[in-house]
Amino acid sequence: MLLQTGQLLSNAGTQSASIAYPLLVLALTHSAADAGIVAFVRSAAQVLSTLPAGLAADRWPRKQLMISADGVRLAAVAALGAAVLHHSVGLWAIALAAFIEGSGTALFASAQAGALRAVVSSTQLPAAAAAQTGRQAAVLLAGPPLGGALFGVGRALPFLADGASYLASTGSLLAMRTPFQEQRQPDPASAGRRVAEGFRFLWGQPFLRTTALLFGVGNFIGPGVLFSLVVIGRRQGLSAGAVGGLAATFGASVLIGAAVSPLMRQALSPRAVLLLELWSGTAIAAFLVWPTVYVLAACIVPTALVIPSTDSVVHGYRVAMTPDRLLGRSESARSLLSLTISPLGPLMAGLLLEASARAAIALFAAVALALALWGTASPAVRAAPRLEALRST
């Protein structure tokens, strides 16, 4: 419970600030491109940090790494909040805070997978992954409206609240006594060889390799569409709080999806669950016909409903089947594949939104269709393991 509380508090602040970054840049520069650059920097920091974070998670105590990550992020957002209060913030300072926070998030996430494995039995990992996604959905539901509302009261408040959440997360982690890793022997291999070992394990599992690539490209779409939702909403006259409320429909839908995830896992094969998410992503094409922010918000609901079931299949299976000594490196390899293209989503959205909202969403709709066709034709997805295979390990 304490681990879940720590993750929930950490994610709550992050989601509250995620909408505040573009709102702050738009308020200062009135440029969607500048806002896209900051979102790109924040995501790129996670990509660049993921391999070192994975090495660290397999070498040093994971709990201490998670606490350190919270401390680094607390310092970054608190400094940004103070700069905003003193009216001395520029684009470079916002980008720097975003980069530091993104790097800390990568470190926290790499250690978090081992923490989950330490406190949950392998047979319960699919359910735990779905529950984890549900808690994140609650954060997604509350975070954006809270961030938008706080920003409306004072531009510094979302960042100061983000810092408070990291402080509370650190407190919950300090209260835990369970170690987040098995006993380890020192590995004399070089850093490069240890990183390569994690890649080899992941690449040797067709299902894990394919899903990492599929959802890696999918991570280009999600952040780009949510960023577009913020910019389009503001351009169509919505307040910061109203934009946050629309973004929260995604979190509300994920929360509902988490509630029905056990039924979906029982009724559908892993392949059917994966294909549901991939094909539902093409719904954003409706915006090309009815280009309003409300239609765009409605279009992301089908995907959000399926995400918890997909996470339970993919994440639960991956964590259960990976040896503990490789978990950090395998997760970092998967994150690198999954997140490398992610920063380009907001960046491309910001650039295209300068010309046309339809052009930005058309790009994401085309990528979503390509992914759905790829997943449908993939032999690895067709042969996706049943959850019974996980329980037998």
Protein backbone atom coordinates (compact mmCIF):
# COMPACT_ATOMS: atom_id res chain seq x y z
CA MET A 1 0.00 0.00 0.00
CA LEU A 2 2.82 2.43 0.84
CA LEU A 3 4.49 1.71 -2.51
CA GLN A 4 1.21 2.42 -4.29
CA THR A 5 0.80 5.62 -2.30
CA GLY A 6 4.28 6.78 -3.22
CA GLN A 7 3.69 6.14 -6.91
CA LEU A 8 0.28 7.80 -6.79
CA LEU A 9 1.59 10.95 -5.11
CA SER A 10 4.57 11.17 -7.46
CA ASN A 11 2.37 10.75 -10.53
CA ALA A 12 -0.23 13.19 -9.23
CA GLY A 13 2.22 16.06 -9.16
CA THR A 14 3.68 15.12 -12.53
CA GLN A 15 0.26 15.11 -14.22
CA SER A 16 -0.72 18.38 -12.58
CA ALA A 17 2.44 20.02 -13.96
CA SER A 18 2.17 18.34 -17.38
CA ILE A 19 -0.64 20.68 -18.42
CA ALA A 20 0.98 23.64 -16.66
CA TYR A 21 4.12 23.53 -18.82
CA PRO A 22 2.33 24.27 -22.14
CA LEU A 23 -0.04 26.70 -20.44
CA LEU A 24 2.92 28.63 -19.00
CA VAL A 25 4.75 28.75 -22.33
CA LEU A 26 1.61 29.82 -24.19
CA ALA A 27 1.03 32.57 -21.63
CA LEU A 28 4.60 33.85 -22.01
CA THR A 29 5.28 33.46 -25.75
CA HIS A 30 1.86 32.74 -27.33
CA SER A 31 3.66 30.15 -29.50
CA ALA A 32 2.48 26.57 -29.95
CA ALA A 33 5.90 25.75 -31.41
CA ASP A 34 7.65 26.94 -28.22
CA ALA A 35 5.24 24.89 -26.11
CA GLY A 36 5.97 21.88 -28.31
CA ILE A 37 9.71 22.37 -27.83
CA VAL A 38 9.35 22.29 -24.03
CA ALA A 39 7.21 19.14 -24.22
CA PHE A 40 9.84 17.63 -26.53
CA VAL A 41 12.62 18.44 -24.05
CA ARG A 42 10.69 16.87 -21.17
CA SER A 43 10.09 13.64 -23.09
CA ALA A 44 13.59 13.57 -24.61
CA ALA A 45 15.10 13.70 -21.12
CA GLN A 46 13.33 10.44 -20.28
CA VAL A 47 14.66 8.80 -23.43
CA LEU A 48 18.25 9.93 -22.85
CA SER A 49 18.18 8.85 -19.21
CA THR A 50 16.53 5.47 -19.61
CA LEU A 51 19.65 3.33 -20.21
CA PRO A 52 21.71 4.83 -17.35
CA ALA A 53 18.61 4.54 -15.14
CA GLY A 54 18.24 0.85 -15.99
CA LEU A 55 21.88 0.17 -15.16
CA ALA A 56 21.46 1.97 -11.85
CA ALA A 57 18.29 0.02 -10.99
CA ASP A 58 20.14 -3.30 -11.41
CA ARG A 59 23.22 -2.15 -9.48
CA TRP A 60 22.06 -0.03 -6.51
CA PRO A 61 19.14 -0.28 -4.06
CA ARG A 62 15.99 0.60 -5.96
CA LYS A 63 14.25 2.29 -3.05
CA GLN A 64 17.11 4.75 -2.64
CA LEU A 65 17.05 5.45 -6.37
CA MET A 66 13.32 6.23 -6.26
CA ILE A 67 13.85 8.58 -3.31
CA SER A 68 16.74 10.28 -5.13
CA ALA A 69 14.57 10.70 -8.23
CA ASP A 70 11.86 12.39 -6.17
CA GLY A 71 14.45 14.70 -4.62
CA VAL A 72 15.86 15.79 -7.98
CA ARG A 73 12.41 16.47 -9.39
CA LEU A 74 11.39 18.37 -6.25
CA ALA A 75 14.38 20.69 -6.61
CA ALA A 76 13.66 21.36 -10.30
CA VAL A 77 9.96 22.20 -10.05
CA ALA A 78 10.38 24.16 -6.81
CA ALA A 79 13.03 26.33 -8.47
CA LEU A 80 10.77 26.87 -11.47
CA GLY A 81 7.84 27.78 -9.23
CA ALA A 82 10.01 30.28 -7.35
CA ALA A 83 11.17 31.83 -10.64
CA VAL A 84 7.57 32.20 -11.80
CA LEU A 85 6.64 33.85 -8.50
CA HIS A 86 9.43 36.38 -8.98
CA HIS A 87 8.47 37.02 -12.63
CA SER A 88 11.98 36.05 -13.74
CA VAL A 89 11.28 32.94 -15.80
CA GLY A 90 12.20 32.51 -19.46
CA LEU A 91 11.76 29.76 -22.00
CA TRP A 92 15.22 28.32 -21.25
CA ALA A 93 14.41 27.99 -17.53
CA ILE A 94 11.14 26.19 -18.27
CA ALA A 95 12.93 23.82 -20.65
CA LEU A 96 15.68 23.14 -18.08
CA ALA A 97 13.17 22.29 -15.36
CA ALA A 98 11.30 20.05 -17.79
CA PHE A 99 14.55 18.26 -18.71
CA ILE A 100 15.52 17.63 -15.07
CA GLU A 101 12.04 16.44 -14.18
CA GLY A 102 11.98 14.09 -17.18
CA SER A 103 15.36 12.62 -16.21
CA GLY A 104 14.17 12.00 -12.66
CA THR A 105 11.04 10.33 -13.97
CA ALA A 106 13.16 7.88 -15.99
CA LEU A 107 15.14 6.91 -12.89
CA PHE A 108 11.98 6.48 -10.79
CA ALA A 109 10.32 4.33 -13.47
CA SER A 110 13.30 2.01 -13.92
CA ALA A 111 13.40 1.22 -10.21
CA GLN A 112 9.61 1.01 -9.94
CA ALA A 113 9.31 -2.22 -11.98
CA GLY A 114 11.53 -4.07 -9.52
CA ALA A 115 9.57 -2.62 -6.63
CA LEU A 116 6.34 -4.01 -8.04
CA ARG A 117 7.89 -7.45 -8.49
CA ALA A 118 9.18 -7.37 -4.89
CA VAL A 119 5.75 -6.84 -3.33
CA VAL A 120 3.47 -8.75 -5.76
CA SER A 121 3.55 -12.48 -6.61
CA SER A 122 4.03 -13.41 -10.27
CA THR A 123 0.51 -14.82 -10.60
CA GLN A 124 -0.96 -11.52 -9.45
CA LEU A 125 1.12 -9.30 -11.75
CA PRO A 126 -1.53 -8.91 -14.49
CA ALA A 127 -4.10 -7.78 -11.94
CA ALA A 128 -1.51 -5.57 -10.23
CA ALA A 129 -0.57 -3.97 -13.56
CA ALA A 130 -4.23 -3.25 -14.30
CA ALA A 131 -4.72 -1.80 -10.81
CA GLN A 132 -1.61 0.32 -11.26
CA THR A 133 -3.01 1.66 -14.52
CA GLY A 134 -6.28 2.40 -12.73
CA ARG A 135 -4.48 4.44 -10.07
CA GLN A 136 -2.63 6.31 -12.79
CA ALA A 137 -6.00 6.93 -14.43
CA ALA A 138 -7.28 8.48 -11.20
CA VAL A 139 -4.26 10.75 -11.33
CA LEU A 140 -4.93 11.56 -14.99
CA LEU A 141 -8.52 12.33 -14.04
CA ALA A 142 -7.64 14.71 -11.22
CA GLY A 143 -4.23 16.01 -12.32
CA PRO A 144 -4.99 18.04 -15.48
CA PRO A 145 -8.07 19.85 -14.07
CA LEU A 146 -6.16 20.53 -10.86
CA GLY A 147 -3.17 21.81 -12.82
CA GLY A 148 -5.39 24.00 -14.97
CA ALA A 149 -7.32 25.32 -11.97
CA LEU A 150 -4.14 26.05 -10.00
CA PHE A 151 -2.65 27.80 -13.02
CA GLY A 152 -5.75 29.96 -13.23
CA VAL A 153 -5.21 31.06 -9.62
CA GLY A 154 -1.45 31.54 -9.92
CA ARG A 155 1.03 30.44 -12.56
CA ALA A 156 3.48 29.08 -10.00
CA LEU A 157 0.97 26.97 -8.07
CA PRO A 158 0.97 23.82 -10.28
CA PHE A 159 4.75 23.55 -9.98
CA LEU A 160 4.76 24.11 -6.24
CA ALA A 161 2.05 21.45 -5.88
CA ASP A 162 4.18 19.13 -8.02
CA GLY A 163 7.07 19.63 -5.61
CA ALA A 164 4.84 18.89 -2.62
CA SER A 165 3.75 15.61 -4.24
CA TYR A 166 7.38 14.50 -4.63
CA LEU A 167 8.03 15.31 -0.98
CA ALA A 168 5.03 13.22 0.09
CA SER A 169 6.13 10.37 -2.19
CA THR A 170 9.55 10.36 -0.53
CA GLY A 171 7.90 10.10 2.88
CA SER A 172 5.85 7.05 1.87
CA LEU A 173 8.92 5.30 0.43
CA LEU A 174 10.97 5.97 3.56
CA ALA A 175 8.26 4.28 5.62
CA MET A 176 8.66 1.00 3.72
CA ARG A 177 10.92 -1.78 5.01
CA THR A 178 10.65 -4.30 2.15
CA PRO A 179 13.76 -4.42 -0.09
CA PHE A 180 12.99 -3.78 -3.76
CA GLN A 181 15.49 -6.30 -5.14
CA GLU A 182 16.84 -9.79 -4.56
CA GLN A 183 20.34 -10.42 -3.22
CA ARG A 184 22.85 -9.52 -5.94
CA GLN A 185 26.39 -10.50 -6.76
CA PRO A 186 28.65 -7.74 -8.11
CA ASP A 187 28.80 -7.84 -11.91
CA PRO A 188 32.34 -7.17 -13.17
CA ALA A 189 31.22 -6.69 -16.78
CA SER A 190 31.49 -3.28 -18.40
CA ALA A 191 28.49 -0.97 -18.55
CA GLY A 192 28.19 -1.56 -22.29
CA ARG A 193 28.08 -5.33 -21.90
CA ARG A 194 25.51 -5.10 -19.12
CA VAL A 195 23.27 -2.84 -21.22
CA ALA A 196 23.64 -5.23 -24.17
CA GLU A 197 22.53 -8.15 -21.99
CA GLY A 198 19.23 -6.40 -21.30
CA PHE A 199 18.71 -5.72 -25.00
CA ARG A 200 19.50 -9.33 -25.92
CA PHE A 201 16.95 -10.67 -23.47
CA LEU A 202 14.21 -8.35 -24.73
CA TRP A 203 15.02 -8.92 -28.39
CA GLY A 204 15.00 -12.68 -27.89
CA GLN A 205 11.32 -12.62 -26.86
CA PRO A 206 9.22 -12.03 -30.03
CA PHE A 207 6.11 -10.92 -28.18
CA LEU A 208 7.95 -8.48 -25.93
CA ARG A 209 10.03 -7.15 -28.84
CA THR A 210 7.02 -6.56 -31.06
CA THR A 211 4.89 -4.90 -28.41
CA ALA A 212 7.80 -2.64 -27.45
CA LEU A 213 8.07 -1.49 -31.06
CA LEU A 214 4.31 -1.17 -31.61
CA PHE A 215 3.69 0.87 -28.50
CA GLY A 216 6.91 2.79 -29.04
CA VAL A 217 5.45 4.20 -32.24
CA GLY A 218 2.11 4.54 -30.44
CA ASN A 219 3.82 6.78 -27.90
CA PHE A 220 4.35 9.25 -30.71
CA ILE A 221 0.57 9.56 -31.03
CA GLY A 222 -0.61 9.82 -27.42
CA PRO A 223 1.49 12.75 -26.17
CA GLY A 224 1.03 14.55 -29.49
CA VAL A 225 -2.75 14.27 -29.40
CA LEU A 226 -3.00 15.30 -25.73
CA PHE A 227 -0.73 18.27 -26.41
CA SER A 228 -2.90 19.18 -29.42
CA LEU A 229 -5.97 19.01 -27.18
CA VAL A 230 -4.49 21.72 -24.94
CA VAL A 231 -3.51 24.04 -27.79
CA ILE A 232 -6.72 23.57 -29.80
CA GLY A 233 -8.84 24.04 -26.68
CA ARG A 234 -7.16 27.33 -25.86
CA ARG A 235 -7.47 28.53 -29.46
CA GLN A 236 -11.18 27.71 -29.44
CA GLY A 237 -11.71 29.88 -26.38
CA LEU A 238 -11.66 27.43 -23.47
CA SER A 239 -10.25 28.46 -20.11
CA ALA A 240 -7.25 26.70 -18.59
CA GLY A 241 -9.56 24.86 -16.19
CA ALA A 242 -11.87 23.77 -19.01
CA VAL A 243 -8.92 22.47 -21.04
CA GLY A 244 -7.78 20.51 -18.00
CA GLY A 245 -11.29 19.11 -17.63
CA LEU A 246 -11.30 17.90 -21.23
CA ALA A 247 -7.88 16.30 -20.78
CA ALA A 248 -9.29 14.56 -17.72
CA THR A 249 -11.78 12.66 -19.88
CA PHE A 250 -8.83 10.50 -20.89
CA GLY A 251 -8.07 9.68 -17.25
CA ALA A 252 -11.74 9.05 -16.47
CA SER A 253 -11.97 6.61 -19.36
CA VAL A 254 -8.81 4.77 -18.27
CA LEU A 255 -10.28 4.51 -14.77
CA ILE A 256 -13.44 2.91 -16.16
CA GLY A 257 -11.28 0.62 -18.28
CA ALA A 258 -9.37 -0.49 -15.19
CA ALA A 259 -12.64 -1.51 -13.54
CA VAL A 260 -13.67 -3.73 -16.46
CA SER A 261 -10.15 -5.01 -17.19
CA PRO A 262 -10.60 -8.35 -15.32
CA LEU A 263 -13.66 -9.13 -17.44
CA MET A 264 -11.85 -8.25 -20.65
CA ARG A 265 -8.87 -10.44 -19.75
CA GLN A 266 -11.21 -13.36 -19.16
CA ALA A 267 -13.31 -12.83 -22.29
CA LEU A 268 -10.64 -11.91 -24.84
CA SER A 269 -7.32 -13.30 -25.96
CA PRO A 270 -4.21 -11.14 -25.53
CA ARG A 271 -4.19 -10.59 -29.31
CA ALA A 272 -7.77 -9.31 -29.26
CA VAL A 273 -6.98 -6.93 -26.40
CA LEU A 274 -3.94 -5.54 -28.21
CA LEU A 275 -5.79 -5.10 -31.49
CA LEU A 276 -8.67 -3.33 -29.73
CA GLU A 277 -6.28 -0.64 -28.51
CA LEU A 278 -4.50 -0.33 -31.86
CA TRP A 279 -7.67 0.02 -33.94
CA SER A 280 -9.37 2.33 -31.44
CA GLY A 281 -6.52 4.78 -31.99
CA THR A 282 -7.80 5.46 -35.50
CA ALA A 283 -10.92 7.15 -34.06
CA ILE A 284 -9.11 10.51 -33.99
CA ALA A 285 -9.69 10.71 -37.75
CA ALA A 286 -13.20 11.95 -36.90
CA PHE A 287 -11.63 15.31 -36.01
CA LEU A 288 -10.76 15.79 -39.67
CA VAL A 289 -14.50 15.91 -40.42
CA TRP A 290 -15.63 17.78 -37.26
CA PRO A 291 -12.62 19.86 -36.14
CA THR A 292 -13.71 20.85 -32.64
CA VAL A 293 -11.85 20.17 -29.41
CA TYR A 294 -14.87 18.32 -28.02
CA VAL A 295 -14.78 15.80 -30.87
CA LEU A 296 -11.05 15.30 -30.32
CA ALA A 297 -11.64 14.68 -26.61
CA ALA A 298 -14.35 12.13 -27.44
CA CYS A 299 -12.08 10.38 -29.95
CA ILE A 300 -9.48 9.46 -27.34
CA VAL A 301 -12.02 7.74 -25.09
CA PRO A 302 -12.09 4.31 -26.87
CA THR A 303 -8.32 3.93 -26.60
CA ALA A 304 -8.33 4.97 -22.96
CA LEU A 305 -10.93 2.33 -22.13
CA VAL A 306 -8.68 -0.48 -23.42
CA ILE A 307 -5.33 0.72 -22.04
CA PRO A 308 -5.62 -1.01 -18.60
CA SER A 309 -6.32 -4.38 -20.22
CA THR A 310 -3.41 -3.96 -22.61
CA ASP A 311 -1.10 -2.96 -19.78
CA SER A 312 -2.13 -5.95 -17.70
CA VAL A 313 -1.26 -8.32 -20.55
CA VAL A 314 1.98 -6.72 -21.71
CA HIS A 315 3.42 -5.26 -18.52
CA GLY A 316 2.43 -8.12 -16.23
CA TYR A 317 3.84 -10.76 -18.56
CA ARG A 318 7.07 -8.81 -19.11
CA VAL A 319 7.83 -8.25 -15.42
CA ALA A 320 6.99 -11.85 -14.47
CA MET A 321 9.21 -13.41 -17.13
CA THR A 322 12.29 -11.21 -16.72
CA PRO A 323 14.96 -12.34 -14.22
CA ASP A 324 15.29 -9.89 -11.33
CA ARG A 325 18.96 -9.20 -12.07
CA LEU A 326 17.99 -8.09 -15.60
CA LEU A 327 14.77 -6.29 -14.80
CA GLY A 328 16.14 -2.75 -14.73
CA ARG A 329 18.16 -3.20 -17.92
CA SER A 330 15.39 -5.03 -19.77
CA GLU A 331 12.91 -2.33 -18.75
CA SER A 332 15.31 0.39 -19.85
CA ALA A 333 15.81 -1.34 -23.20
CA ARG A 334 12.04 -1.57 -23.63
CA SER A 335 11.64 2.06 -22.55
CA LEU A 336 14.26 3.18 -25.05
CA LEU A 337 12.43 1.39 -27.86
CA SER A 338 9.05 2.59 -26.62
CA LEU A 339 9.96 6.19 -25.82
CA THR A 340 12.53 7.16 -28.45
CA ILE A 341 9.91 8.54 -30.80
CA SER A 342 7.65 9.90 -28.04
CA PRO A 343 9.24 13.38 -27.80
CA LEU A 344 8.58 13.94 -31.49
CA GLY A 345 4.80 13.82 -30.95
CA PRO A 346 4.41 17.15 -29.14
CA LEU A 347 7.18 18.69 -31.24
CA MET A 348 5.51 17.77 -34.54
CA ALA A 349 2.12 18.77 -33.14
CA GLY A 350 3.44 22.18 -32.14
CA LEU A 351 4.97 22.79 -35.56
CA LEU A 352 1.92 21.59 -37.51
CA LEU A 353 -0.55 23.40 -35.27
CA GLU A 354 1.06 26.68 -36.33
CA ALA A 355 -0.35 25.97 -39.79
CA SER A 356 -3.41 23.77 -39.27
CA ALA A 357 -5.04 21.70 -36.52
CA ARG A 358 -6.33 19.30 -39.18
CA ALA A 359 -2.79 18.73 -40.47
CA ALA A 360 -1.53 17.81 -37.00
CA ILE A 361 -4.33 15.35 -36.28
CA ALA A 362 -4.15 13.89 -39.81
CA LEU A 363 -0.53 12.91 -39.16
CA PHE A 364 -1.43 11.10 -35.95
CA ALA A 365 -4.44 9.39 -37.55
CA ALA A 366 -2.25 8.08 -40.39
CA VAL A 367 0.30 6.66 -37.94
CA ALA A 368 -2.50 5.06 -35.90
CA LEU A 369 -3.86 3.32 -39.01
CA ALA A 370 -0.39 2.03 -39.93
CA LEU A 371 0.05 0.62 -36.42
CA ALA A 372 -3.32 -1.12 -36.48
CA LEU A 373 -2.47 -2.80 -39.79
CA TRP A 374 0.98 -3.80 -38.53
CA GLY A 375 -0.42 -5.33 -35.33
CA THR A 376 -3.11 -7.22 -37.24
CA ALA A 377 -0.54 -8.78 -39.57
CA SER A 378 2.15 -9.46 -36.93
CA PRO A 379 2.93 -13.16 -36.28
CA ALA A 380 4.20 -12.31 -32.78
CA VAL A 381 0.89 -10.66 -31.86
CA ARG A 382 -1.03 -13.51 -33.44
CA ALA A 383 0.88 -15.94 -31.21
CA ALA A 384 0.58 -13.74 -28.10
CA PRO A 385 0.79 -15.83 -24.90
CA ARG A 386 -2.34 -16.57 -22.91
CA LEU A 387 -2.38 -15.41 -19.32
CA GLU A 388 -2.31 -19.08 -18.30
CA ALA A 389 1.27 -19.16 -19.56
CA LEU A 390 2.13 -16.45 -17.07
CA ARG A 391 0.50 -18.30 -14.20
CA SER A 392 2.43 -21.48 -14.98
CA THR A 393 5.82 -19.78 -14.68
